[in-house]
Amino acid sequence: MTYSIGILGARGYVGRELIEGILQHPELNLSWVSSRQLAGQPLTTLVPEASLDLTIETLAVKDIATRDTDIIVLALPNGLAEPFVTAIEAQTSCKLIIDLSADYRFDDNWDYSVPELHALRESTGLIKISNPGCYATAMQVAIAPIREIAEGNIHCVGISGYSGAGTKPSPNNDPERLKDNILPYGLIEHIHEREVSRHMGVQVHFSPHVAAFFRGINMTVQFAVKKPVTVAELYALYKEHYSHCDYVQVTEQIPNLQNVVNTPLCEVGGIHVSADGKRATVISCLDNLAKGAASQAMQNINKAFGMPAHLGIDNLYKTKRG
């Protein structure tokens, strides 16, 4: 079965990457793309290699309400999704909404889904999925296998490429400020700190940074344990937890950004344990535009409709990696 799909807010890096994945997906038909800044321009403005003859539109709330589209992806800045969601909920044609912003990550009426960690509820009506944040995905992949044995606060330090700051010029994607530099920001009560604490059921303390590379996240996670553990015991937990997961790889080497950039993978490992066995560190790496956003959204689309997990994903990133 082929599903029609539309993207609202496609100008950003994630929107572009998602379009590339949709064009590689045999069961998805890209019906429309909306961007206020690019209205009237061909799809090739966003994706130069696209062969689909589609003109980018600017769709208002009233326009979305009339579109006969199976899947609608909201790739809008935080705080803008609600009126569009209300309009979509009022019509009957849409089967799935995926919101890429943080607007519904704390809403129990939505499914929140890192596909390897969270189940989708059975639904006979509109499926609503909140796509997790990029930092939050890296943290949760590292935390999920050990949250039952962890004691106290879990401390996370993340370094992201500047694509995470978006396409709009800002201090966090300014080449001059980033040159030979790492910039800390949002150092207390960051939204991803609250997001992970909520969905993992543990208290997370998170410090984000941005550096002078374009894409990717390196996350260092340190935690204490209720009783002493060994490196081998921790690896056994991680390998069991992700034994059937296509896009999470457990490695005994320290994860390396170069291994995951332009892939849909999250690599977790490099585990070290203190001499007394009471404290451990694990590293998690992923591509913030892929597993942290676009390819994860593709996984969630496939999951929602019972399609193979790799559709629209493997071919795209095989091409990107060359």
C-alpha atoms as a PDB file:
ATOM      1  CA  MET A   1       0.000   0.000   0.000  1.00  0.00           C
ATOM      2  CA  THR A   2       1.267   3.472  -0.876  1.00  0.00           C
ATOM      3  CA  TYR A   3       0.716   6.364   1.523  1.00  0.00           C
ATOM      4  CA  SER A   4       0.604  10.044   0.620  1.00  0.00           C
ATOM      5  CA  ILE A   5       2.745  12.327   2.770  1.00  0.00           C
ATOM      6  CA  GLY A   6       3.160  16.074   3.192  1.00  0.00           C
ATOM      7  CA  ILE A   7       5.776  18.099   5.076  1.00  0.00           C
ATOM      8  CA  LEU A   8       5.020  21.380   6.775  1.00  0.00           C
ATOM      9  CA  GLY A   9       8.148  23.456   7.381  1.00  0.00           C
ATOM     10  CA  ALA A  10      10.653  21.868   5.034  1.00  0.00           C
ATOM     11  CA  ARG A  11      13.297  24.595   4.778  1.00  0.00           C
ATOM     12  CA  GLY A  12      15.510  23.365   7.622  1.00  0.00           C
ATOM     13  CA  TYR A  13      18.219  20.719   7.485  1.00  0.00           C
ATOM     14  CA  VAL A  14      15.944  18.024   8.933  1.00  0.00           C
ATOM     15  CA  GLY A  15      13.133  18.786   6.492  1.00  0.00           C
ATOM     16  CA  ARG A  16      15.526  18.433   3.568  1.00  0.00           C
ATOM     17  CA  GLU A  17      16.908  15.150   4.870  1.00  0.00           C
ATOM     18  CA  LEU A  18      13.416  13.805   5.454  1.00  0.00           C
ATOM     19  CA  ILE A  19      12.409  14.654   1.881  1.00  0.00           C
ATOM     20  CA  GLU A  20      15.438  12.752   0.618  1.00  0.00           C
ATOM     21  CA  GLY A  21      14.345   9.704   2.625  1.00  0.00           C
ATOM     22  CA  ILE A  22      10.744   9.914   1.434  1.00  0.00           C
ATOM     23  CA  LEU A  23      11.900  10.002  -2.180  1.00  0.00           C
ATOM     24  CA  GLN A  24      13.796   6.749  -1.509  1.00  0.00           C
ATOM     25  CA  HIS A  25      10.790   5.066   0.152  1.00  0.00           C
ATOM     26  CA  PRO A  26       8.837   2.695  -2.129  1.00  0.00           C
ATOM     27  CA  GLU A  27       5.600   3.030  -0.155  1.00  0.00           C
ATOM     28  CA  LEU A  28       5.503   6.812   0.302  1.00  0.00           C
ATOM     29  CA  ASN A  29       4.309   9.381  -2.221  1.00  0.00           C
ATOM     30  CA  LEU A  30       5.383  12.960  -1.480  1.00  0.00           C
ATOM     31  CA  SER A  31       2.236  14.966  -2.202  1.00  0.00           C
ATOM     32  CA  TRP A  32       3.169  18.444  -1.007  1.00  0.00           C
ATOM     33  CA  VAL A  33       5.878  20.444   0.732  1.00  0.00           C
ATOM     34  CA  SER A  34       5.234  23.706   2.569  1.00  0.00           C
ATOM     35  CA  SER A  35       7.784  26.415   3.349  1.00  0.00           C
ATOM     36  CA  ARG A  36       7.014  30.077   3.833  1.00  0.00           C
ATOM     37  CA  GLN A  37      10.459  31.188   2.705  1.00  0.00           C
ATOM     38  CA  LEU A  38      10.632  28.976  -0.408  1.00  0.00           C
ATOM     39  CA  ALA A  39       7.066  29.246  -1.720  1.00  0.00           C
ATOM     40  CA  GLY A  40       6.814  28.997  -5.498  1.00  0.00           C
ATOM     41  CA  GLN A  41      10.210  27.378  -5.942  1.00  0.00           C
ATOM     42  CA  PRO A  42      10.698  23.846  -7.297  1.00  0.00           C
ATOM     43  CA  LEU A  43      11.453  20.945  -4.972  1.00  0.00           C
ATOM     44  CA  THR A  44      14.959  20.851  -6.445  1.00  0.00           C
ATOM     45  CA  THR A  45      15.677  24.038  -4.467  1.00  0.00           C
ATOM     46  CA  LEU A  46      15.727  21.830  -1.376  1.00  0.00           C
ATOM     47  CA  VAL A  47      16.797  18.533  -2.927  1.00  0.00           C
ATOM     48  CA  PRO A  48      18.750  19.167  -6.154  1.00  0.00           C
ATOM     49  CA  GLU A  49      18.697  15.506  -7.197  1.00  0.00           C
ATOM     50  CA  ALA A  50      14.909  15.190  -6.846  1.00  0.00           C
ATOM     51  CA  SER A  51      13.181  14.038 -10.026  1.00  0.00           C
ATOM     52  CA  LEU A  52       9.680  14.758  -8.682  1.00  0.00           C
ATOM     53  CA  ASP A  53       8.033  17.751 -10.365  1.00  0.00           C
ATOM     54  CA  LEU A  54       6.679  19.488  -7.264  1.00  0.00           C
ATOM     55  CA  THR A  55       6.382  23.167  -6.392  1.00  0.00           C
ATOM     56  CA  ILE A  56       6.912  24.244  -2.802  1.00  0.00           C
ATOM     57  CA  GLU A  57       3.843  25.910  -1.303  1.00  0.00           C
ATOM     58  CA  THR A  58       2.975  28.017   1.713  1.00  0.00           C
ATOM     59  CA  LEU A  59       0.083  26.325   3.495  1.00  0.00           C
ATOM     60  CA  ALA A  60      -1.910  28.018   6.230  1.00  0.00           C
ATOM     61  CA  VAL A  61      -3.918  26.191   8.889  1.00  0.00           C
ATOM     62  CA  LYS A  62      -7.080  26.362   6.761  1.00  0.00           C
ATOM     63  CA  ASP A  63      -5.199  24.799   3.831  1.00  0.00           C
ATOM     64  CA  ILE A  64      -3.905  21.875   5.890  1.00  0.00           C
ATOM     65  CA  ALA A  65      -7.442  21.134   7.026  1.00  0.00           C
ATOM     66  CA  THR A  66      -8.501  20.432   3.442  1.00  0.00           C
ATOM     67  CA  ARG A  67      -5.558  18.301   2.297  1.00  0.00           C
ATOM     68  CA  ASP A  68      -6.361  14.640   1.658  1.00  0.00           C
ATOM     69  CA  THR A  69      -3.048  13.299   2.963  1.00  0.00           C
ATOM     70  CA  ASP A  70      -2.344  10.068   4.845  1.00  0.00           C
ATOM     71  CA  ILE A  71       0.744  11.290   6.724  1.00  0.00           C
ATOM     72  CA  ILE A  72       1.615  14.838   7.755  1.00  0.00           C
ATOM     73  CA  VAL A  73       5.020  15.690   9.204  1.00  0.00           C
ATOM     74  CA  LEU A  74       5.333  18.917  11.172  1.00  0.00           C
ATOM     75  CA  ALA A  75       8.903  20.214  10.885  1.00  0.00           C
ATOM     76  CA  LEU A  76       8.169  23.577  12.474  1.00  0.00           C
ATOM     77  CA  PRO A  77      10.048  25.521  15.161  1.00  0.00           C
ATOM     78  CA  ASN A  78       8.956  24.875  18.741  1.00  0.00           C
ATOM     79  CA  GLY A  79       5.650  26.444  19.715  1.00  0.00           C
ATOM     80  CA  LEU A  80       3.972  26.541  16.290  1.00  0.00           C
ATOM     81  CA  ALA A  81       2.395  23.096  15.907  1.00  0.00           C
ATOM     82  CA  GLU A  82      -0.841  23.388  17.901  1.00  0.00           C
ATOM     83  CA  PRO A  83      -3.182  25.147  15.402  1.00  0.00           C
ATOM     84  CA  PHE A  84      -2.100  22.777  12.628  1.00  0.00           C
ATOM     85  CA  VAL A  85      -2.624  19.740  14.853  1.00  0.00           C
ATOM     86  CA  THR A  86      -6.097  20.986  15.786  1.00  0.00           C
ATOM     87  CA  ALA A  87      -6.971  21.358  12.088  1.00  0.00           C
ATOM     88  CA  ILE A  88      -5.632  17.903  11.245  1.00  0.00           C
ATOM     89  CA  GLU A  89      -7.553  16.317  14.115  1.00  0.00           C
ATOM     90  CA  ALA A  90     -10.775  17.887  12.808  1.00  0.00           C
ATOM     91  CA  GLN A  91     -10.499  16.208   9.385  1.00  0.00           C
ATOM     92  CA  THR A  92     -10.755  12.500   8.632  1.00  0.00           C
ATOM     93  CA  SER A  93      -8.233  11.717   5.905  1.00  0.00           C
ATOM     94  CA  CYS A  94      -4.986  11.897   7.884  1.00  0.00           C
ATOM     95  CA  LYS A  95      -3.852   8.631   9.471  1.00  0.00           C
ATOM     96  CA  LEU A  96      -0.581   9.762  11.074  1.00  0.00           C
ATOM     97  CA  ILE A  97       0.952  12.988  12.367  1.00  0.00           C
ATOM     98  CA  ILE A  98       4.628  13.123  13.268  1.00  0.00           C
ATOM     99  CA  ASP A  99       5.771  16.245  15.080  1.00  0.00           C
ATOM    100  CA  LEU A 100       9.518  16.916  14.999  1.00  0.00           C
ATOM    101  CA  SER A 101       9.395  19.789  17.495  1.00  0.00           C
ATOM    102  CA  ALA A 102       9.338  19.584  21.294  1.00  0.00           C
ATOM    103  CA  ASP A 103       5.685  20.677  21.495  1.00  0.00           C
ATOM    104  CA  TYR A 104       4.181  17.262  22.325  1.00  0.00           C
ATOM    105  CA  ARG A 105       7.073  15.407  23.973  1.00  0.00           C
ATOM    106  CA  PHE A 106       5.433  15.931  27.361  1.00  0.00           C
ATOM    107  CA  ASP A 107       1.857  15.174  26.260  1.00  0.00           C
ATOM    108  CA  ASP A 108       0.454  11.775  27.298  1.00  0.00           C
ATOM    109  CA  ASN A 109      -2.043  11.907  24.428  1.00  0.00           C
ATOM    110  CA  TRP A 110       0.834  11.462  21.999  1.00  0.00           C
ATOM    111  CA  ASP A 111       3.095   8.476  21.411  1.00  0.00           C
ATOM    112  CA  TYR A 112       6.691   9.405  22.164  1.00  0.00           C
ATOM    113  CA  SER A 113       8.953   7.068  20.254  1.00  0.00           C
ATOM    114  CA  VAL A 114      12.604   6.236  20.085  1.00  0.00           C
ATOM    115  CA  PRO A 115      11.654   3.135  18.040  1.00  0.00           C
ATOM    116  CA  GLU A 116      14.110   0.837  19.845  1.00  0.00           C
ATOM    117  CA  LEU A 117      12.815   1.902  23.268  1.00  0.00           C
ATOM    118  CA  HIS A 118       9.136   2.825  23.121  1.00  0.00           C
ATOM    119  CA  ALA A 119       6.085   0.904  21.906  1.00  0.00           C
ATOM    120  CA  LEU A 120       3.274   2.576  19.987  1.00  0.00           C
ATOM    121  CA  ARG A 121      -0.204   2.223  21.410  1.00  0.00           C
ATOM    122  CA  GLU A 122      -2.763   0.412  19.298  1.00  0.00           C
ATOM    123  CA  SER A 123      -5.027   2.899  17.581  1.00  0.00           C
ATOM    124  CA  THR A 124      -7.985   2.673  15.216  1.00  0.00           C
ATOM    125  CA  GLY A 125      -7.921   6.415  14.597  1.00  0.00           C
ATOM    126  CA  LEU A 126      -5.343   9.121  14.060  1.00  0.00           C
ATOM    127  CA  ILE A 127      -1.850   8.119  15.231  1.00  0.00           C
ATOM    128  CA  LYS A 128       0.097  11.004  16.774  1.00  0.00           C
ATOM    129  CA  ILE A 129       3.843  10.520  17.268  1.00  0.00           C
ATOM    130  CA  SER A 130       6.185  12.975  18.934  1.00  0.00           C
ATOM    131  CA  ASN A 131       9.667  12.431  17.488  1.00  0.00           C
ATOM    132  CA  PRO A 132      12.297  12.657  20.268  1.00  0.00           C
ATOM    133  CA  GLY A 133      15.039  15.256  20.304  1.00  0.00           C
ATOM    134  CA  CYS A 134      18.517  14.494  18.975  1.00  0.00           C
ATOM    135  CA  TYR A 135      20.366  14.937  22.255  1.00  0.00           C
ATOM    136  CA  ALA A 136      17.527  13.110  24.011  1.00  0.00           C
ATOM    137  CA  THR A 137      17.858  10.124  21.683  1.00  0.00           C
ATOM    138  CA  ALA A 138      21.607   9.853  22.314  1.00  0.00           C
ATOM    139  CA  MET A 139      21.050  10.020  26.076  1.00  0.00           C
ATOM    140  CA  GLN A 140      18.199   7.530  26.160  1.00  0.00           C
ATOM    141  CA  VAL A 141      20.020   4.904  24.095  1.00  0.00           C
ATOM    142  CA  ALA A 142      22.850   5.105  26.635  1.00  0.00           C
ATOM    143  CA  ILE A 143      20.592   5.139  29.702  1.00  0.00           C
ATOM    144  CA  ALA A 144      17.832   2.623  28.909  1.00  0.00           C
ATOM    145  CA  PRO A 145      19.831  -0.590  29.547  1.00  0.00           C
ATOM    146  CA  ILE A 146      21.125   0.591  32.933  1.00  0.00           C
ATOM    147  CA  ARG A 147      18.329   2.696  34.400  1.00  0.00           C
ATOM    148  CA  GLU A 148      17.233  -0.113  36.764  1.00  0.00           C
ATOM    149  CA  ILE A 149      20.727  -0.474  38.239  1.00  0.00           C
ATOM    150  CA  ALA A 150      21.679   3.223  38.270  1.00  0.00           C
ATOM    151  CA  GLU A 151      21.654   5.108  41.541  1.00  0.00           C
ATOM    152  CA  GLY A 152      21.162   8.845  41.929  1.00  0.00           C
ATOM    153  CA  ASN A 153      21.501  11.411  39.194  1.00  0.00           C
ATOM    154  CA  ILE A 154      22.808  10.494  35.741  1.00  0.00           C
ATOM    155  CA  HIS A 155      25.191  13.081  34.303  1.00  0.00           C
ATOM    156  CA  CYS A 156      25.340  13.695  30.551  1.00  0.00           C
ATOM    157  CA  VAL A 157      27.630  15.969  28.556  1.00  0.00           C
ATOM    158  CA  GLY A 158      26.782  16.373  24.876  1.00  0.00           C
ATOM    159  CA  ILE A 159      28.713  17.978  22.019  1.00  0.00           C
ATOM    160  CA  SER A 160      26.761  18.633  18.824  1.00  0.00           C
ATOM    161  CA  GLY A 161      27.640  19.784  15.345  1.00  0.00           C
ATOM    162  CA  TYR A 162      26.385  23.258  14.496  1.00  0.00           C
ATOM    163  CA  SER A 163      23.624  21.965  12.193  1.00  0.00           C
ATOM    164  CA  GLY A 164      21.715  21.425  15.445  1.00  0.00           C
ATOM    165  CA  ALA A 165      21.367  25.204  15.699  1.00  0.00           C
ATOM    166  CA  GLY A 166      19.368  25.250  12.457  1.00  0.00           C
ATOM    167  CA  THR A 167      19.648  27.291   9.273  1.00  0.00           C
ATOM    168  CA  LYS A 168      18.785  30.657  10.833  1.00  0.00           C
ATOM    169  CA  PRO A 169      22.014  32.520  11.743  1.00  0.00           C
ATOM    170  CA  SER A 170      22.720  32.453  15.468  1.00  0.00           C
ATOM    171  CA  PRO A 171      25.711  32.573  17.844  1.00  0.00           C
ATOM    172  CA  ASN A 172      25.693  28.754  17.919  1.00  0.00           C
ATOM    173  CA  ASN A 173      26.218  28.354  14.168  1.00  0.00           C
ATOM    174  CA  ASP A 174      28.467  31.374  13.622  1.00  0.00           C
ATOM    175  CA  PRO A 175      31.698  30.102  11.972  1.00  0.00           C
ATOM    176  CA  GLU A 176      33.798  32.833  13.578  1.00  0.00           C
ATOM    177  CA  ARG A 177      32.655  32.014  17.116  1.00  0.00           C
ATOM    178  CA  LEU A 178      33.019  28.275  16.518  1.00  0.00           C
ATOM    179  CA  LYS A 179      36.475  28.372  14.932  1.00  0.00           C
ATOM    180  CA  ASP A 180      38.877  26.371  17.151  1.00  0.00           C
ATOM    181  CA  ASN A 181      36.211  26.470  19.830  1.00  0.00           C
ATOM    182  CA  ILE A 182      33.530  24.605  21.785  1.00  0.00           C
ATOM    183  CA  LEU A 183      30.579  26.644  23.042  1.00  0.00           C
ATOM    184  CA  PRO A 184      28.527  25.560  26.072  1.00  0.00           C
ATOM    185  CA  TYR A 185      24.914  26.733  26.209  1.00  0.00           C
ATOM    186  CA  GLY A 186      21.606  26.010  27.978  1.00  0.00           C
ATOM    187  CA  LEU A 187      23.558  24.718  30.939  1.00  0.00           C
ATOM    188  CA  ILE A 188      20.715  24.357  33.442  1.00  0.00           C
ATOM    189  CA  GLU A 189      17.257  22.792  32.970  1.00  0.00           C
ATOM    190  CA  HIS A 190      17.711  22.289  29.236  1.00  0.00           C
ATOM    191  CA  ILE A 191      14.515  20.949  27.644  1.00  0.00           C
ATOM    192  CA  HIS A 192      16.225  17.677  26.665  1.00  0.00           C
ATOM    193  CA  GLU A 193      17.191  17.183  30.306  1.00  0.00           C
ATOM    194  CA  ARG A 194      13.507  17.272  31.260  1.00  0.00           C
ATOM    195  CA  GLU A 195      12.554  15.162  28.248  1.00  0.00           C
ATOM    196  CA  VAL A 196      14.913  12.318  29.132  1.00  0.00           C
ATOM    197  CA  SER A 197      14.135  12.457  32.845  1.00  0.00           C
ATOM    198  CA  ARG A 198      10.442  12.110  32.051  1.00  0.00           C
ATOM    199  CA  HIS A 199      10.685   9.245  29.573  1.00  0.00           C
ATOM    200  CA  MET A 200      13.451   7.280  31.300  1.00  0.00           C
ATOM    201  CA  GLY A 201      12.058   7.708  34.807  1.00  0.00           C
ATOM    202  CA  VAL A 202      15.456   8.797  36.186  1.00  0.00           C
ATOM    203  CA  GLN A 203      16.890  12.198  37.056  1.00  0.00           C
ATOM    204  CA  VAL A 204      19.239  13.392  34.327  1.00  0.00           C
ATOM    205  CA  HIS A 205      21.603  16.351  34.532  1.00  0.00           C
ATOM    206  CA  PHE A 206      22.595  17.500  31.048  1.00  0.00           C
ATOM    207  CA  SER A 207      25.130  20.006  29.705  1.00  0.00           C
ATOM    208  CA  PRO A 208      25.021  20.711  25.929  1.00  0.00           C
ATOM    209  CA  HIS A 209      27.830  22.152  23.803  1.00  0.00           C
ATOM    210  CA  VAL A 210      28.260  22.986  20.125  1.00  0.00           C
ATOM    211  CA  ALA A 211      31.510  22.609  18.185  1.00  0.00           C
ATOM    212  CA  ALA A 212      32.919  23.455  14.772  1.00  0.00           C
ATOM    213  CA  PHE A 213      31.746  20.362  12.888  1.00  0.00           C
ATOM    214  CA  PHE A 214      28.521  20.234  10.903  1.00  0.00           C
ATOM    215  CA  ARG A 215      26.618  17.101  11.931  1.00  0.00           C
ATOM    216  CA  GLY A 216      26.772  14.535  14.706  1.00  0.00           C
ATOM    217  CA  ILE A 217      26.456  14.246  18.501  1.00  0.00           C
ATOM    218  CA  ASN A 218      28.918  12.794  20.982  1.00  0.00           C
ATOM    219  CA  MET A 219      27.286  12.080  24.364  1.00  0.00           C
ATOM    220  CA  THR A 220      29.218  11.114  27.487  1.00  0.00           C
ATOM    221  CA  VAL A 221      27.011   9.554  30.167  1.00  0.00           C
ATOM    222  CA  GLN A 222      28.292   8.890  33.686  1.00  0.00           C
ATOM    223  CA  PHE A 223      26.339   7.155  36.444  1.00  0.00           C
ATOM    224  CA  ALA A 224      26.690   5.474  39.830  1.00  0.00           C
ATOM    225  CA  VAL A 225      25.270   1.983  40.421  1.00  0.00           C
ATOM    226  CA  LYS A 226      23.398   0.397  43.319  1.00  0.00           C
ATOM    227  CA  LYS A 227      25.960  -2.381  43.652  1.00  0.00           C
ATOM    228  CA  PRO A 228      29.395  -2.866  42.050  1.00  0.00           C
ATOM    229  CA  VAL A 229      29.475  -3.992  38.420  1.00  0.00           C
ATOM    230  CA  THR A 230      32.106  -5.011  35.899  1.00  0.00           C
ATOM    231  CA  VAL A 231      32.614  -3.835  32.351  1.00  0.00           C
ATOM    232  CA  ALA A 232      31.618  -7.304  31.118  1.00  0.00           C
ATOM    233  CA  GLU A 233      28.348  -7.200  33.069  1.00  0.00           C
ATOM    234  CA  LEU A 234      27.445  -3.811  31.609  1.00  0.00           C
ATOM    235  CA  TYR A 235      28.226  -4.918  28.064  1.00  0.00           C
ATOM    236  CA  ALA A 236      25.972  -7.931  28.597  1.00  0.00           C
ATOM    237  CA  LEU A 237      23.115  -5.577  29.522  1.00  0.00           C
ATOM    238  CA  TYR A 238      23.648  -3.397  26.462  1.00  0.00           C
ATOM    239  CA  LYS A 239      24.044  -6.276  24.039  1.00  0.00           C
ATOM    240  CA  GLU A 240      20.894  -7.976  25.309  1.00  0.00           C
ATOM    241  CA  HIS A 241      18.902  -4.754  25.218  1.00  0.00           C
ATOM    242  CA  TYR A 242      19.822  -3.981  21.596  1.00  0.00           C
ATOM    243  CA  SER A 243      20.257  -7.500  20.232  1.00  0.00           C
ATOM    244  CA  HIS A 244      17.355  -7.130  17.770  1.00  0.00           C
ATOM    245  CA  CYS A 245      17.851  -3.470  16.838  1.00  0.00           C
ATOM    246  CA  ASP A 246      18.966  -2.584  13.319  1.00  0.00           C
ATOM    247  CA  TYR A 247      20.038   0.964  14.075  1.00  0.00           C
ATOM    248  CA  VAL A 248      21.703   0.728  17.487  1.00  0.00           C
ATOM    249  CA  GLN A 249      25.151  -0.834  17.543  1.00  0.00           C
ATOM    250  CA  VAL A 250      26.976  -1.773  20.745  1.00  0.00           C
ATOM    251  CA  THR A 251      30.743  -1.469  20.488  1.00  0.00           C
ATOM    252  CA  GLU A 252      33.545  -2.168  22.926  1.00  0.00           C
ATOM    253  CA  GLN A 253      35.563   0.595  21.293  1.00  0.00           C
ATOM    254  CA  ILE A 254      34.887   4.210  22.207  1.00  0.00           C
ATOM    255  CA  PRO A 255      32.188   5.311  19.734  1.00  0.00           C
ATOM    256  CA  ASN A 256      33.450   7.602  17.015  1.00  0.00           C
ATOM    257  CA  LEU A 257      31.454  10.293  15.236  1.00  0.00           C
ATOM    258  CA  GLN A 258      33.089   9.418  11.942  1.00  0.00           C
ATOM    259  CA  ASN A 259      31.418   5.995  12.134  1.00  0.00           C
ATOM    260  CA  VAL A 260      27.875   7.380  12.437  1.00  0.00           C
ATOM    261  CA  VAL A 261      27.794  10.650  10.473  1.00  0.00           C
ATOM    262  CA  ASN A 262      25.592  10.261   7.381  1.00  0.00           C
ATOM    263  CA  THR A 263      24.172   7.007   8.761  1.00  0.00           C
ATOM    264  CA  PRO A 264      20.937   6.121  10.592  1.00  0.00           C
ATOM    265  CA  LEU A 265      22.941   4.471  13.391  1.00  0.00           C
ATOM    266  CA  CYS A 266      23.457   5.191  17.051  1.00  0.00           C
ATOM    267  CA  GLU A 267      26.685   3.670  18.317  1.00  0.00           C
ATOM    268  CA  VAL A 268      26.942   3.063  22.081  1.00  0.00           C
ATOM    269  CA  GLY A 269      29.802   1.653  24.111  1.00  0.00           C
ATOM    270  CA  GLY A 270      33.333   2.505  25.203  1.00  0.00           C
ATOM    271  CA  ILE A 271      32.283   1.486  28.706  1.00  0.00           C
ATOM    272  CA  HIS A 272      34.657   2.234  31.566  1.00  0.00           C
ATOM    273  CA  VAL A 273      34.096   1.321  35.223  1.00  0.00           C
ATOM    274  CA  SER A 274      35.808   2.775  38.307  1.00  0.00           C
ATOM    275  CA  ALA A 275      38.192   0.584  40.318  1.00  0.00           C
ATOM    276  CA  ASP A 276      35.556  -0.001  43.012  1.00  0.00           C
ATOM    277  CA  GLY A 277      32.894  -0.905  40.419  1.00  0.00           C
ATOM    278  CA  LYS A 278      30.504   1.740  41.721  1.00  0.00           C
ATOM    279  CA  ARG A 279      30.656   4.241  38.865  1.00  0.00           C
ATOM    280  CA  ALA A 280      30.647   3.871  35.094  1.00  0.00           C
ATOM    281  CA  THR A 281      30.876   5.913  31.895  1.00  0.00           C
ATOM    282  CA  VAL A 282      29.365   5.066  28.501  1.00  0.00           C
ATOM    283  CA  ILE A 283      29.563   6.979  25.209  1.00  0.00           C
ATOM    284  CA  SER A 284      26.745   7.370  22.678  1.00  0.00           C
ATOM    285  CA  CYS A 285      27.216   8.816  19.171  1.00  0.00           C
ATOM    286  CA  LEU A 286      24.701   9.548  16.429  1.00  0.00           C
ATOM    287  CA  ASP A 287      24.018  11.871  13.529  1.00  0.00           C
ATOM    288  CA  ASN A 288      21.716  14.597  14.841  1.00  0.00           C
ATOM    289  CA  LEU A 289      20.050  15.078  11.438  1.00  0.00           C
ATOM    290  CA  ALA A 290      19.561  11.335  10.867  1.00  0.00           C
ATOM    291  CA  LYS A 291      19.015   9.078  13.902  1.00  0.00           C
ATOM    292  CA  GLY A 292      18.479  12.244  15.912  1.00  0.00           C
ATOM    293  CA  ALA A 293      15.675  13.455  13.642  1.00  0.00           C
ATOM    294  CA  ALA A 294      14.923  12.496  10.002  1.00  0.00           C
ATOM    295  CA  SER A 295      15.775   8.775   9.855  1.00  0.00           C
ATOM    296  CA  GLN A 296      14.142   8.313  13.252  1.00  0.00           C
ATOM    297  CA  ALA A 297      10.977   9.893  11.852  1.00  0.00           C
ATOM    298  CA  MET A 298      11.203   7.443   8.944  1.00  0.00           C
ATOM    299  CA  GLN A 299      11.559   4.565  11.436  1.00  0.00           C
ATOM    300  CA  ASN A 300       8.445   5.795  13.216  1.00  0.00           C
ATOM    301  CA  ILE A 301       6.475   6.001   9.971  1.00  0.00           C
ATOM    302  CA  ASN A 302       7.477   2.441   9.102  1.00  0.00           C
ATOM    303  CA  LYS A 303       6.648   1.270  12.612  1.00  0.00           C
ATOM    304  CA  ALA A 304       3.224   2.948  12.645  1.00  0.00           C
ATOM    305  CA  PHE A 305       2.163   1.176   9.432  1.00  0.00           C
ATOM    306  CA  GLY A 306       3.898  -2.161  10.023  1.00  0.00           C
ATOM    307  CA  MET A 307       6.387  -1.656   7.190  1.00  0.00           C
ATOM    308  CA  PRO A 308       9.964  -3.002   7.219  1.00  0.00           C
ATOM    309  CA  ALA A 309      12.197  -0.812   9.380  1.00  0.00           C
ATOM    310  CA  HIS A 310      14.738  -0.138   6.623  1.00  0.00           C
ATOM    311  CA  LEU A 311      12.396   1.320   3.963  1.00  0.00           C
ATOM    312  CA  GLY A 312      13.486   4.790   2.850  1.00  0.00           C
ATOM    313  CA  ILE A 313      16.489   4.639   5.177  1.00  0.00           C
ATOM    314  CA  ASP A 314      19.180   2.209   4.059  1.00  0.00           C
ATOM    315  CA  ASN A 315      19.316   3.325   0.423  1.00  0.00           C
ATOM    316  CA  LEU A 316      19.450   7.006   1.402  1.00  0.00           C
ATOM    317  CA  TYR A 317      22.384   6.654   3.744  1.00  0.00           C
ATOM    318  CA  LYS A 318      24.206   4.232   1.493  1.00  0.00           C
ATOM    319  CA  THR A 319      24.156   7.022  -1.063  1.00  0.00           C
ATOM    320  CA  LYS A 320      25.253   9.632   1.483  1.00  0.00           C
ATOM    321  CA  ARG A 321      28.190   7.520   2.637  1.00  0.00           C
ATOM    322  CA  GLY A 322      29.203   6.878  -0.979  1.00  0.00           C
END
